[in-house]
PDB file of N, CA and C in Angstrom:
ATOM      1  N   MET A   1       0.845  -1.167   0.000  1.00  0.00           N
ATOM      2  CA  MET A   1       0.000   0.000   0.000  1.00  0.00           C
ATOM      3  C   MET A   1       0.893   1.234   0.000  1.00  0.00           C
ATOM      4  N   LYS A   2       0.430   2.281  -0.687  1.00  0.00           N
ATOM      5  CA  LYS A   2       1.152   3.555  -0.708  1.00  0.00           C
ATOM      6  C   LYS A   2       0.704   4.404   0.477  1.00  0.00           C
ATOM      7  N   ILE A   3       1.695   4.933   1.200  1.00  0.00           N
ATOM      8  CA  ILE A   3       1.430   5.730   2.391  1.00  0.00           C
ATOM      9  C   ILE A   3       2.346   6.953   2.372  1.00  0.00           C
ATOM     10  N   VAL A   4       1.784   8.103   2.705  1.00  0.00           N
ATOM     11  CA  VAL A   4       2.588   9.289   2.989  1.00  0.00           C
ATOM     12  C   VAL A   4       2.508   9.495   4.490  1.00  0.00           C
ATOM     13  N   ALA A   5       3.663   9.422   5.158  1.00  0.00           N
ATOM     14  CA  ALA A   5       3.719   9.602   6.602  1.00  0.00           C
ATOM     15  C   ALA A   5       4.113  11.045   6.891  1.00  0.00           C
ATOM     16  N   ASP A   6       3.258  11.746   7.598  1.00  0.00           N
ATOM     17  CA  ASP A   6       3.530  13.117   7.997  1.00  0.00           C
ATOM     18  C   ASP A   6       4.768  13.126   8.896  1.00  0.00           C
ATOM     19  N   GLU A   7       5.419  14.276   9.004  1.00  0.00           N
ATOM     20  CA  GLU A   7       6.647  14.336   9.781  1.00  0.00           C
ATOM     21  C   GLU A   7       6.432  14.121  11.276  1.00  0.00           C
ATOM     22  N   ASN A   8       5.193  14.172  11.758  1.00  0.00           N
ATOM     23  CA  ASN A   8       4.922  13.939  13.175  1.00  0.00           C
ATOM     24  C   ASN A   8       4.751  12.453  13.507  1.00  0.00           C
ATOM     25  N   ILE A   9       4.926  11.608  12.539  1.00  0.00           N
ATOM     26  CA  ILE A   9       4.855  10.158  12.760  1.00  0.00           C
ATOM     27  C   ILE A   9       6.233   9.660  13.180  1.00  0.00           C
ATOM     28  N   ASP A  10       6.282   8.847  14.213  1.00  0.00           N
ATOM     29  CA  ASP A  10       7.549   8.331  14.732  1.00  0.00           C
ATOM     30  C   ASP A  10       8.241   7.440  13.700  1.00  0.00           C
ATOM     31  N   LEU A  11       9.552   7.593  13.600  1.00  0.00           N
ATOM     32  CA  LEU A  11      10.344   6.808  12.659  1.00  0.00           C
ATOM     33  C   LEU A  11      10.139   5.293  12.806  1.00  0.00           C
ATOM     34  N   PRO A  12      10.047   4.737  14.030  1.00  0.00           N
ATOM     35  CA  PRO A  12       9.827   3.286  14.129  1.00  0.00           C
ATOM     36  C   PRO A  12       8.548   2.815  13.415  1.00  0.00           C
ATOM     37  N   ILE A  13       7.537   3.654  13.340  1.00  0.00           N
ATOM     38  CA  ILE A  13       6.316   3.289  12.608  1.00  0.00           C
ATOM     39  C   ILE A  13       6.622   3.204  11.126  1.00  0.00           C
ATOM     40  N   VAL A  14       7.347   4.182  10.608  1.00  0.00           N
ATOM     41  CA  VAL A  14       7.713   4.198   9.189  1.00  0.00           C
ATOM     42  C   VAL A  14       8.561   2.977   8.843  1.00  0.00           C
ATOM     43  N   VAL A  15       9.542   2.696   9.686  1.00  0.00           N
ATOM     44  CA  VAL A  15      10.427   1.545   9.464  1.00  0.00           C
ATOM     45  C   VAL A  15       9.622   0.250   9.444  1.00  0.00           C
ATOM     46  N   ARG A  16       8.720   0.112  10.388  1.00  0.00           N
ATOM     47  CA  ARG A  16       7.894  -1.102  10.464  1.00  0.00           C
ATOM     48  C   ARG A  16       7.026  -1.266   9.224  1.00  0.00           C
ATOM     49  N   LEU A  17       6.362  -0.194   8.801  1.00  0.00           N
ATOM     50  CA  LEU A  17       5.509  -0.278   7.612  1.00  0.00           C
ATOM     51  C   LEU A  17       6.323  -0.637   6.370  1.00  0.00           C
ATOM     52  N   ARG A  18       7.484  -0.039   6.239  1.00  0.00           N
ATOM     53  CA  ARG A  18       8.359  -0.365   5.103  1.00  0.00           C
ATOM     54  C   ARG A  18       8.788  -1.829   5.152  1.00  0.00           C
ATOM     55  N   SER A  19       9.095  -2.329   6.346  1.00  0.00           N
ATOM     56  CA  SER A  19       9.533  -3.727   6.476  1.00  0.00           C
ATOM     57  C   SER A  19       8.424  -4.708   6.115  1.00  0.00           C
ATOM     58  N   GLU A  20       7.182  -4.236   6.196  1.00  0.00           N
ATOM     59  CA  GLU A  20       6.044  -5.087   5.839  1.00  0.00           C
ATOM     60  C   GLU A  20       5.624  -4.901   4.384  1.00  0.00           C
ATOM     61  N   GLY A  21       6.439  -4.183   3.617  1.00  0.00           N
ATOM     62  CA  GLY A  21       6.218  -4.081   2.182  1.00  0.00           C
ATOM     63  C   GLY A  21       5.436  -2.869   1.711  1.00  0.00           C
ATOM     64  N   HIS A  22       5.099  -1.967   2.618  1.00  0.00           N
ATOM     65  CA  HIS A  22       4.384  -0.754   2.213  1.00  0.00           C
ATOM     66  C   HIS A  22       5.369   0.248   1.615  1.00  0.00           C
ATOM     67  N   GLU A  23       4.902   0.993   0.634  1.00  0.00           N
ATOM     68  CA  GLU A  23       5.690   2.070   0.046  1.00  0.00           C
ATOM     69  C   GLU A  23       5.384   3.331   0.851  1.00  0.00           C
ATOM     70  N   VAL A  24       6.345   3.765   1.672  1.00  0.00           N
ATOM     71  CA  VAL A  24       6.112   4.878   2.582  1.00  0.00           C
ATOM     72  C   VAL A  24       7.008   6.059   2.219  1.00  0.00           C
ATOM     73  N   LEU A  25       6.371   7.170   1.860  1.00  0.00           N
ATOM     74  CA  LEU A  25       7.074   8.434   1.666  1.00  0.00           C
ATOM     75  C   LEU A  25       6.980   9.181   2.990  1.00  0.00           C
ATOM     76  N   TYR A  26       8.125   9.537   3.553  1.00  0.00           N
ATOM     77  CA  TYR A  26       8.176  10.136   4.890  1.00  0.00           C
ATOM     78  C   TYR A  26       8.539  11.612   4.744  1.00  0.00           C
ATOM     79  N   ILE A  27       7.603  12.477   5.094  1.00  0.00           N
ATOM     80  CA  ILE A  27       7.791  13.919   4.942  1.00  0.00           C
ATOM     81  C   ILE A  27       9.034  14.389   5.695  1.00  0.00           C
ATOM     82  N   ALA A  28       9.324  13.805   6.842  1.00  0.00           N
ATOM     83  CA  ALA A  28      10.510  14.191   7.616  1.00  0.00           C
ATOM     84  C   ALA A  28      11.800  13.940   6.840  1.00  0.00           C
ATOM     85  N   GLU A  29      11.798  12.972   5.940  1.00  0.00           N
ATOM     86  CA  GLU A  29      12.966  12.684   5.112  1.00  0.00           C
ATOM     87  C   GLU A  29      12.975  13.518   3.837  1.00  0.00           C
ATOM     88  N   LEU A  30      11.803  13.745   3.270  1.00  0.00           N
ATOM     89  CA  LEU A  30      11.704  14.388   1.962  1.00  0.00           C
ATOM     90  C   LEU A  30      11.691  15.904   2.018  1.00  0.00           C
ATOM     91  N   ASP A  31      10.866  16.456   2.903  1.00  0.00           N
ATOM     92  CA  ASP A  31      10.669  17.905   2.909  1.00  0.00           C
ATOM     93  C   ASP A  31      10.122  18.370   4.258  1.00  0.00           C
ATOM     94  N   PRO A  32      10.950  18.324   5.317  1.00  0.00           N
ATOM     95  CA  PRO A  32      10.471  18.737   6.642  1.00  0.00           C
ATOM     96  C   PRO A  32       9.938  20.169   6.623  1.00  0.00           C
ATOM     97  N   GLY A  33       8.907  20.401   7.403  1.00  0.00           N
ATOM     98  CA  GLY A  33       8.329  21.738   7.494  1.00  0.00           C
ATOM     99  C   GLY A  33       7.289  22.043   6.440  1.00  0.00           C
ATOM    100  N   THR A  34       6.960  21.061   5.617  1.00  0.00           N
ATOM    101  CA  THR A  34       5.947  21.253   4.580  1.00  0.00           C
ATOM    102  C   THR A  34       4.597  21.536   5.224  1.00  0.00           C
ATOM    103  N   ASP A  35       3.871  22.495   4.677  1.00  0.00           N
ATOM    104  CA  ASP A  35       2.562  22.844   5.244  1.00  0.00           C
ATOM    105  C   ASP A  35       1.544  21.729   4.984  1.00  0.00           C
ATOM    106  N   ASP A  36       0.493  21.720   5.794  1.00  0.00           N
ATOM    107  CA  ASP A  36      -0.506  20.650   5.749  1.00  0.00           C
ATOM    108  C   ASP A  36      -1.185  20.521   4.385  1.00  0.00           C
ATOM    109  N   ARG A  37      -1.533  21.624   3.755  1.00  0.00           N
ATOM    110  CA  ARG A  37      -2.194  21.567   2.438  1.00  0.00           C
ATOM    111  C   ARG A  37      -1.312  20.853   1.417  1.00  0.00           C
ATOM    112  N   THR A  38      -0.021  21.150   1.449  1.00  0.00           N
ATOM    113  CA  THR A  38       0.910  20.524   0.507  1.00  0.00           C
ATOM    114  C   THR A  38       1.058  19.039   0.800  1.00  0.00           C
ATOM    115  N   VAL A  39       1.119  18.682   2.082  1.00  0.00           N
ATOM    116  CA  VAL A  39       1.208  17.267   2.460  1.00  0.00           C
ATOM    117  C   VAL A  39      -0.041  16.533   1.980  1.00  0.00           C
ATOM    118  N   LEU A  40      -1.209  17.115   2.189  1.00  0.00           N
ATOM    119  CA  LEU A  40      -2.459  16.494   1.758  1.00  0.00           C
ATOM    120  C   LEU A  40      -2.507  16.356   0.241  1.00  0.00           C
ATOM    121  N   PHE A  41      -2.085  17.394  -0.466  1.00  0.00           N
ATOM    122  CA  PHE A  41      -2.040  17.342  -1.925  1.00  0.00           C
ATOM    123  C   PHE A  41      -1.075  16.261  -2.400  1.00  0.00           C
ATOM    124  N   ARG A  42       0.102  16.213  -1.782  1.00  0.00           N
ATOM    125  CA  ARG A  42       1.114  15.231  -2.184  1.00  0.00           C
ATOM    126  C   ARG A  42       0.597  13.805  -2.011  1.00  0.00           C
ATOM    127  N   SER A  43      -0.070  13.544  -0.890  1.00  0.00           N
ATOM    128  CA  SER A  43      -0.586  12.189  -0.669  1.00  0.00           C
ATOM    129  C   SER A  43      -1.715  11.872  -1.647  1.00  0.00           C
ATOM    130  N   GLY A  44      -2.603  12.830  -1.867  1.00  0.00           N
ATOM    131  CA  GLY A  44      -3.696  12.600  -2.820  1.00  0.00           C
ATOM    132  C   GLY A  44      -3.190  12.401  -4.224  1.00  0.00           C
ATOM    133  N   ASN A  45      -2.214  13.195  -4.622  1.00  0.00           N
ATOM    134  CA  ASN A  45      -1.644  13.100  -5.961  1.00  0.00           C
ATOM    135  C   ASN A  45      -0.957  11.747  -6.180  1.00  0.00           C
ATOM    136  N   ALA A  46      -0.381  11.201  -5.122  1.00  0.00           N
ATOM    137  CA  ALA A  46       0.288   9.902  -5.197  1.00  0.00           C
ATOM    138  C   ALA A  46      -0.692   8.740  -5.029  1.00  0.00           C
ATOM    139  N   GLY A  47      -1.964   9.048  -4.718  1.00  0.00           N
ATOM    140  CA  GLY A  47      -2.934   7.987  -4.455  1.00  0.00           C
ATOM    141  C   GLY A  47      -2.581   7.227  -3.194  1.00  0.00           C
ATOM    142  N   ALA A  48      -2.025   7.950  -2.206  1.00  0.00           N
ATOM    143  CA  ALA A  48      -1.525   7.322  -0.983  1.00  0.00           C
ATOM    144  C   ALA A  48      -2.367   7.727   0.224  1.00  0.00           C
ATOM    145  N   ILE A  49      -2.473   6.823   1.176  1.00  0.00           N
ATOM    146  CA  ILE A  49      -3.114   7.119   2.456  1.00  0.00           C
ATOM    147  C   ILE A  49      -2.182   8.057   3.224  1.00  0.00           C
ATOM    148  N   LEU A  50      -2.731   9.104   3.798  1.00  0.00           N
ATOM    149  CA  LEU A  50      -1.942  10.005   4.640  1.00  0.00           C
ATOM    150  C   LEU A  50      -1.999   9.503   6.072  1.00  0.00           C
ATOM    151  N   LEU A  51      -0.848   9.248   6.647  1.00  0.00           N
ATOM    152  CA  LEU A  51      -0.716   8.814   8.033  1.00  0.00           C
ATOM    153  C   LEU A  51      -0.215  10.011   8.832  1.00  0.00           C
ATOM    154  N   THR A  52      -0.987  10.457   9.820  1.00  0.00           N
ATOM    155  CA  THR A  52      -0.645  11.669  10.550  1.00  0.00           C
ATOM    156  C   THR A  52      -1.126  11.609  11.989  1.00  0.00           C
ATOM    157  N   ALA A  53      -0.533  12.470  12.813  1.00  0.00           N
ATOM    158  CA  ALA A  53      -1.006  12.665  14.185  1.00  0.00           C
ATOM    159  C   ALA A  53      -1.572  14.075  14.346  1.00  0.00           C
ATOM    160  N   ASP A  54      -1.750  14.772  13.248  1.00  0.00           N
ATOM    161  CA  ASP A  54      -2.181  16.170  13.228  1.00  0.00           C
ATOM    162  C   ASP A  54      -3.688  16.274  12.974  1.00  0.00           C
ATOM    163  N   LYS A  55      -4.426  16.720  13.994  1.00  0.00           N
ATOM    164  CA  LYS A  55      -5.884  16.844  13.879  1.00  0.00           C
ATOM    165  C   LYS A  55      -6.314  17.910  12.878  1.00  0.00           C
ATOM    166  N   ASP A  56      -5.422  18.794  12.485  1.00  0.00           N
ATOM    167  CA  ASP A  56      -5.771  19.850  11.530  1.00  0.00           C
ATOM    168  C   ASP A  56      -6.238  19.302  10.181  1.00  0.00           C
ATOM    169  N   PHE A  57      -5.866  18.075   9.858  1.00  0.00           N
ATOM    170  CA  PHE A  57      -6.307  17.500   8.589  1.00  0.00           C
ATOM    171  C   PHE A  57      -7.817  17.267   8.572  1.00  0.00           C
ATOM    172  N   GLY A  58      -8.406  17.050   9.728  1.00  0.00           N
ATOM    173  CA  GLY A  58      -9.857  16.937   9.812  1.00  0.00           C
ATOM    174  C   GLY A  58     -10.523  18.216   9.361  1.00  0.00           C
ATOM    175  N   ASP A  59      -9.962  19.347   9.748  1.00  0.00           N
ATOM    176  CA  ASP A  59     -10.488  20.643   9.321  1.00  0.00           C
ATOM    177  C   ASP A  59     -10.360  20.805   7.810  1.00  0.00           C
ATOM    178  N   LEU A  60      -9.211  20.432   7.266  1.00  0.00           N
ATOM    179  CA  LEU A  60      -9.017  20.553   5.817  1.00  0.00           C
ATOM    180  C   LEU A  60     -10.019  19.699   5.035  1.00  0.00           C
ATOM    181  N   VAL A  61     -10.301  18.527   5.543  1.00  0.00           N
ATOM    182  CA  VAL A  61     -11.191  17.600   4.845  1.00  0.00           C
ATOM    183  C   VAL A  61     -12.664  17.954   5.054  1.00  0.00           C
ATOM    184  N   TYR A  62     -13.063  18.208   6.286  1.00  0.00           N
ATOM    185  CA  TYR A  62     -14.481  18.385   6.576  1.00  0.00           C
ATOM    186  C   TYR A  62     -14.970  19.829   6.456  1.00  0.00           C
ATOM    187  N   ARG A  63     -14.188  20.786   6.852  1.00  0.00           N
ATOM    188  CA  ARG A  63     -14.633  22.183   6.759  1.00  0.00           C
ATOM    189  C   ARG A  63     -14.267  22.820   5.432  1.00  0.00           C
ATOM    190  N   GLN A  64     -13.114  22.432   4.889  1.00  0.00           N
ATOM    191  CA  GLN A  64     -12.647  23.065   3.664  1.00  0.00           C
ATOM    192  C   GLN A  64     -12.797  22.169   2.438  1.00  0.00           C
ATOM    193  N   ALA A  65     -13.337  20.975   2.631  1.00  0.00           N
ATOM    194  CA  ALA A  65     -13.653  20.038   1.541  1.00  0.00           C
ATOM    195  C   ALA A  65     -12.468  19.749   0.629  1.00  0.00           C
ATOM    196  N   GLN A  66     -11.283  19.578   1.214  1.00  0.00           N
ATOM    197  CA  GLN A  66     -10.098  19.243   0.426  1.00  0.00           C
ATOM    198  C   GLN A  66     -10.165  17.773   0.004  1.00  0.00           C
ATOM    199  N   GLU A  67      -9.759  17.528  -1.225  1.00  0.00           N
ATOM    200  CA  GLU A  67      -9.711  16.162  -1.759  1.00  0.00           C
ATOM    201  C   GLU A  67      -8.600  15.376  -1.055  1.00  0.00           C
ATOM    202  N   HIS A  68      -8.788  14.063  -0.937  1.00  0.00           N
ATOM    203  CA  HIS A  68      -7.754  13.207  -0.351  1.00  0.00           C
ATOM    204  C   HIS A  68      -7.978  11.775  -0.797  1.00  0.00           C
ATOM    205  N   ALA A  69      -6.939  10.965  -0.630  1.00  0.00           N
ATOM    206  CA  ALA A  69      -7.007   9.548  -1.001  1.00  0.00           C
ATOM    207  C   ALA A  69      -7.248   8.656   0.205  1.00  0.00           C
ATOM    208  N   GLY A  70      -7.373   9.286   1.368  1.00  0.00           N
ATOM    209  CA  GLY A  70      -7.572   8.561   2.618  1.00  0.00           C
ATOM    210  C   GLY A  70      -6.635   9.113   3.672  1.00  0.00           C
ATOM    211  N   ILE A  71      -7.122   9.179   4.902  1.00  0.00           N
ATOM    212  CA  ILE A  71      -6.323   9.703   6.006  1.00  0.00           C
ATOM    213  C   ILE A  71      -6.489   8.777   7.205  1.00  0.00           C
ATOM    214  N   LEU A  72      -5.368   8.427   7.821  1.00  0.00           N
ATOM    215  CA  LEU A  72      -5.387   7.693   9.073  1.00  0.00           C
ATOM    216  C   LEU A  72      -4.748   8.595  10.125  1.00  0.00           C
ATOM    217  N   LEU A  73      -5.575   9.099  11.030  1.00  0.00           N
ATOM    218  CA  LEU A  73      -5.139   9.952  12.124  1.00  0.00           C
ATOM    219  C   LEU A  73      -4.845   9.064  13.330  1.00  0.00           C
ATOM    220  N   VAL A  74      -3.610   9.100  13.803  1.00  0.00           N
ATOM    221  CA  VAL A  74      -3.241   8.268  14.948  1.00  0.00           C
ATOM    222  C   VAL A  74      -3.299   9.094  16.223  1.00  0.00           C
ATOM    223  N   ARG A  75      -4.004   8.578  17.207  1.00  0.00           N
ATOM    224  CA  ARG A  75      -4.175   9.215  18.513  1.00  0.00           C
ATOM    225  C   ARG A  75      -3.697   8.222  19.566  1.00  0.00           C
ATOM    226  N   ILE A  76      -2.392   7.951  19.577  1.00  0.00           N
ATOM    227  CA  ILE A  76      -1.846   6.896  20.434  1.00  0.00           C
ATOM    228  C   ILE A  76      -0.645   7.401  21.244  1.00  0.00           C
ATOM    229  N   ALA A  77      -0.743   8.604  21.751  1.00  0.00           N
ATOM    230  CA  ALA A  77       0.336   9.161  22.569  1.00  0.00           C
ATOM    231  C   ALA A  77       0.487   8.365  23.862  1.00  0.00           C
ATOM    232  N   GLY A  78       1.695   8.354  24.390  1.00  0.00           N
ATOM    233  CA  GLY A  78       1.944   7.701  25.670  1.00  0.00           C
ATOM    234  C   GLY A  78       2.363   6.254  25.581  1.00  0.00           C
ATOM    235  N   LEU A  79       2.340   5.696  24.386  1.00  0.00           N
ATOM    236  CA  LEU A  79       2.778   4.310  24.217  1.00  0.00           C
ATOM    237  C   LEU A  79       4.246   4.280  23.804  1.00  0.00           C
ATOM    238  N   LYS A  80       4.889   3.147  24.011  1.00  0.00           N
ATOM    239  CA  LYS A  80       6.265   2.959  23.562  1.00  0.00           C
ATOM    240  C   LYS A  80       6.276   2.944  22.026  1.00  0.00           C
ATOM    241  N   PRO A  81       7.383   3.360  21.418  1.00  0.00           N
ATOM    242  CA  PRO A  81       7.448   3.378  19.946  1.00  0.00           C
ATOM    243  C   PRO A  81       7.107   2.037  19.297  1.00  0.00           C
ATOM    244  N   GLU A  82       7.546   0.937  19.905  1.00  0.00           N
ATOM    245  CA  GLU A  82       7.255  -0.384  19.336  1.00  0.00           C
ATOM    246  C   GLU A  82       5.752  -0.693  19.393  1.00  0.00           C
ATOM    247  N   GLU A  83       5.109  -0.271  20.481  1.00  0.00           N
ATOM    248  CA  GLU A  83       3.666  -0.493  20.620  1.00  0.00           C
ATOM    249  C   GLU A  83       2.891   0.323  19.586  1.00  0.00           C
ATOM    250  N   LYS A  84       3.324   1.562  19.365  1.00  0.00           N
ATOM    251  CA  LYS A  84       2.696   2.391  18.336  1.00  0.00           C
ATOM    252  C   LYS A  84       2.850   1.739  16.968  1.00  0.00           C
ATOM    253  N   ALA A  85       4.064   1.275  16.680  1.00  0.00           N
ATOM    254  CA  ALA A  85       4.322   0.626  15.390  1.00  0.00           C
ATOM    255  C   ALA A  85       3.450  -0.616  15.220  1.00  0.00           C
ATOM    256  N   ASP A  86       3.294  -1.396  16.289  1.00  0.00           N
ATOM    257  CA  ASP A  86       2.440  -2.592  16.238  1.00  0.00           C
ATOM    258  C   ASP A  86       0.999  -2.219  15.907  1.00  0.00           C
ATOM    259  N   LEU A  87       0.468  -1.196  16.569  1.00  0.00           N
ATOM    260  CA  LEU A  87      -0.920  -0.778  16.346  1.00  0.00           C
ATOM    261  C   LEU A  87      -1.149  -0.288  14.926  1.00  0.00           C
ATOM    262  N   VAL A  88      -0.251   0.554  14.439  1.00  0.00           N
ATOM    263  CA  VAL A  88      -0.407   1.110  13.093  1.00  0.00           C
ATOM    264  C   VAL A  88      -0.247   0.016  12.037  1.00  0.00           C
ATOM    265  N   ALA A  89       0.754  -0.824  12.193  1.00  0.00           N
ATOM    266  CA  ALA A  89       0.963  -1.915  11.241  1.00  0.00           C
ATOM    267  C   ALA A  89      -0.231  -2.859  11.220  1.00  0.00           C
ATOM    268  N   SER A  90      -0.784  -3.139  12.373  1.00  0.00           N
ATOM    269  CA  SER A  90      -1.959  -4.003  12.464  1.00  0.00           C
ATOM    270  C   SER A  90      -3.167  -3.371  11.771  1.00  0.00           C
ATOM    271  N   ALA A  91      -3.337  -2.072  11.954  1.00  0.00           N
ATOM    272  CA  ALA A  91      -4.458  -1.381  11.302  1.00  0.00           C
ATOM    273  C   ALA A  91      -4.350  -1.484   9.788  1.00  0.00           C
ATOM    274  N   PHE A  92      -3.142  -1.296   9.253  1.00  0.00           N
ATOM    275  CA  PHE A  92      -2.965  -1.411   7.801  1.00  0.00           C
ATOM    276  C   PHE A  92      -3.127  -2.853   7.332  1.00  0.00           C
ATOM    277  N   ALA A  93      -2.638  -3.802   8.111  1.00  0.00           N
ATOM    278  CA  ALA A  93      -2.749  -5.214   7.723  1.00  0.00           C
ATOM    279  C   ALA A  93      -4.204  -5.682   7.699  1.00  0.00           C
ATOM    280  N   ARG A  94      -4.975  -5.271   8.683  1.00  0.00           N
ATOM    281  CA  ARG A  94      -6.357  -5.736   8.808  1.00  0.00           C
ATOM    282  C   ARG A  94      -7.364  -4.906   8.013  1.00  0.00           C
ATOM    283  N   HIS A  95      -7.094  -3.605   7.868  1.00  0.00           N
ATOM    284  CA  HIS A  95      -8.109  -2.705   7.313  1.00  0.00           C
ATOM    285  C   HIS A  95      -7.591  -1.813   6.187  1.00  0.00           C
ATOM    286  N   GLY A  96      -6.421  -2.111   5.650  1.00  0.00           N
ATOM    287  CA  GLY A  96      -5.807  -1.246   4.643  1.00  0.00           C
ATOM    288  C   GLY A  96      -6.742  -0.855   3.513  1.00  0.00           C
ATOM    289  N   ALA A  97      -7.431  -1.817   2.928  1.00  0.00           N
ATOM    290  CA  ALA A  97      -8.330  -1.536   1.802  1.00  0.00           C
ATOM    291  C   ALA A  97      -9.497  -0.638   2.224  1.00  0.00           C
ATOM    292  N   GLU A  98      -9.926  -0.760   3.462  1.00  0.00           N
ATOM    293  CA  GLU A  98     -11.043   0.057   3.962  1.00  0.00           C
ATOM    294  C   GLU A  98     -10.650   1.513   4.187  1.00  0.00           C
ATOM    295  N   LEU A  99      -9.352   1.793   4.273  1.00  0.00           N
ATOM    296  CA  LEU A  99      -8.881   3.144   4.556  1.00  0.00           C
ATOM    297  C   LEU A  99      -8.872   4.053   3.327  1.00  0.00           C
ATOM    298  N   VAL A 100      -8.948   3.463   2.158  1.00  0.00           N
ATOM    299  CA  VAL A 100      -8.912   4.242   0.918  1.00  0.00           C
ATOM    300  C   VAL A 100     -10.114   5.184   0.868  1.00  0.00           C
ATOM    301  N   SER A 101      -9.827   6.455   0.653  1.00  0.00           N
ATOM    302  CA  SER A 101     -10.834   7.523   0.519  1.00  0.00           C
ATOM    303  C   SER A 101     -11.690   7.746   1.766  1.00  0.00           C
ATOM    304  N   THR A 102     -11.197   7.310   2.926  1.00  0.00           N
ATOM    305  CA  THR A 102     -11.934   7.521   4.173  1.00  0.00           C
ATOM    306  C   THR A 102     -11.098   8.394   5.108  1.00  0.00           C
ATOM    307  N   PHE A 103     -11.725   8.821   6.186  1.00  0.00           N
ATOM    308  CA  PHE A 103     -11.011   9.495   7.272  1.00  0.00           C
ATOM    309  C   PHE A 103     -11.146   8.577   8.474  1.00  0.00           C
ATOM    310  N   ALA A 104     -10.024   8.031   8.924  1.00  0.00           N
ATOM    311  CA  ALA A 104     -10.048   7.065  10.023  1.00  0.00           C
ATOM    312  C   ALA A 104      -9.221   7.593  11.191  1.00  0.00           C
ATOM    313  N   VAL A 105      -9.630   7.202  12.391  1.00  0.00           N
ATOM    314  CA  VAL A 105      -8.924   7.588  13.605  1.00  0.00           C
ATOM    315  C   VAL A 105      -8.559   6.313  14.359  1.00  0.00           C
ATOM    316  N   LEU A 106      -7.269   6.167  14.630  1.00  0.00           N
ATOM    317  CA  LEU A 106      -6.771   5.004  15.354  1.00  0.00           C
ATOM    318  C   LEU A 106      -6.371   5.421  16.758  1.00  0.00           C
ATOM    319  N   SER A 107      -7.012   4.794  17.748  1.00  0.00           N
ATOM    320  CA  SER A 107      -6.616   4.988  19.137  1.00  0.00           C
ATOM    321  C   SER A 107      -6.076   3.656  19.644  1.00  0.00           C
ATOM    322  N   GLU A 108      -5.687   3.640  20.888  1.00  0.00           N
ATOM    323  CA  GLU A 108      -5.129   2.418  21.456  1.00  0.00           C
ATOM    324  C   GLU A 108      -6.127   1.266  21.440  1.00  0.00           C
ATOM    325  N   ARG A 109      -7.411   1.593  21.518  1.00  0.00           N
ATOM    326  CA  ARG A 109      -8.431   0.541  21.645  1.00  0.00           C
ATOM    327  C   ARG A 109      -9.306   0.324  20.425  1.00  0.00           C
ATOM    328  N   VAL A 110      -9.378   1.323  19.526  1.00  0.00           N
ATOM    329  CA  VAL A 110     -10.332   1.202  18.437  1.00  0.00           C
ATOM    330  C   VAL A 110      -9.856   1.928  17.184  1.00  0.00           C
ATOM    331  N   LEU A 111     -10.301   1.433  16.047  1.00  0.00           N
ATOM    332  CA  LEU A 111     -10.121   2.106  14.764  1.00  0.00           C
ATOM    333  C   LEU A 111     -11.494   2.514  14.269  1.00  0.00           C
ATOM    334  N   ARG A 112     -11.724   3.819  14.158  1.00  0.00           N
ATOM    335  CA  ARG A 112     -12.994   4.325  13.646  1.00  0.00           C
ATOM    336  C   ARG A 112     -12.785   4.789  12.209  1.00  0.00           C
ATOM    337  N   ILE A 113     -13.584   4.272  11.303  1.00  0.00           N
ATOM    338  CA  ILE A 113     -13.455   4.627   9.886  1.00  0.00           C
ATOM    339  C   ILE A 113     -14.721   5.353   9.459  1.00  0.00           C
ATOM    340  N   ARG A 114     -14.535   6.563   8.966  1.00  0.00           N
ATOM    341  CA  ARG A 114     -15.659   7.374   8.499  1.00  0.00           C
ATOM    342  C   ARG A 114     -15.625   7.394   6.965  1.00  0.00           C
ATOM    343  N   LYS A 115     -16.644   6.816   6.390  1.00  0.00           N
ATOM    344  CA  LYS A 115     -16.753   6.735   4.934  1.00  0.00           C
ATOM    345  C   LYS A 115     -17.117   8.104   4.352  1.00  0.00           C
ATOM    346  N   PRO A 116     -16.728   8.350   3.094  1.00  0.00           N
ATOM    347  CA  PRO A 116     -17.117   9.609   2.461  1.00  0.00           C
ATOM    348  C   PRO A 116     -18.633   9.651   2.251  1.00  0.00           C
ATOM    349  N   HIS A 117     -19.155  10.876   2.157  1.00  0.00           N
ATOM    350  CA  HIS A 117     -20.611  11.032   1.971  1.00  0.00           C
ATOM    351  C   HIS A 117     -21.010  10.698   0.563  1.00  0.00           C
TER     352      HIS A 117
END
């Protein structure tokens, strides 16, 4: 699966996803400091799911009606990096196809997927 990982995503998550065969473009490696609109455009243009911890993308999608190829917002602060990587990798392994063109929120206990209208 194609994924654009925002720069606020921990490196161990990116490494884990890559090790499982996902194509991950990591903003922290490519262009740190890129604004949210550009990150969203880049992921949509690549047909990639945007992986982020930034709630501002919800505003871009729902209030400003920005196009996207899918967003997975991770809300898993306070866990060890390996635990975060396990949760994110599991979400992609189990629900990757369901994440396309949706806005999903991953917490420690649940993955909520909101389908487009």
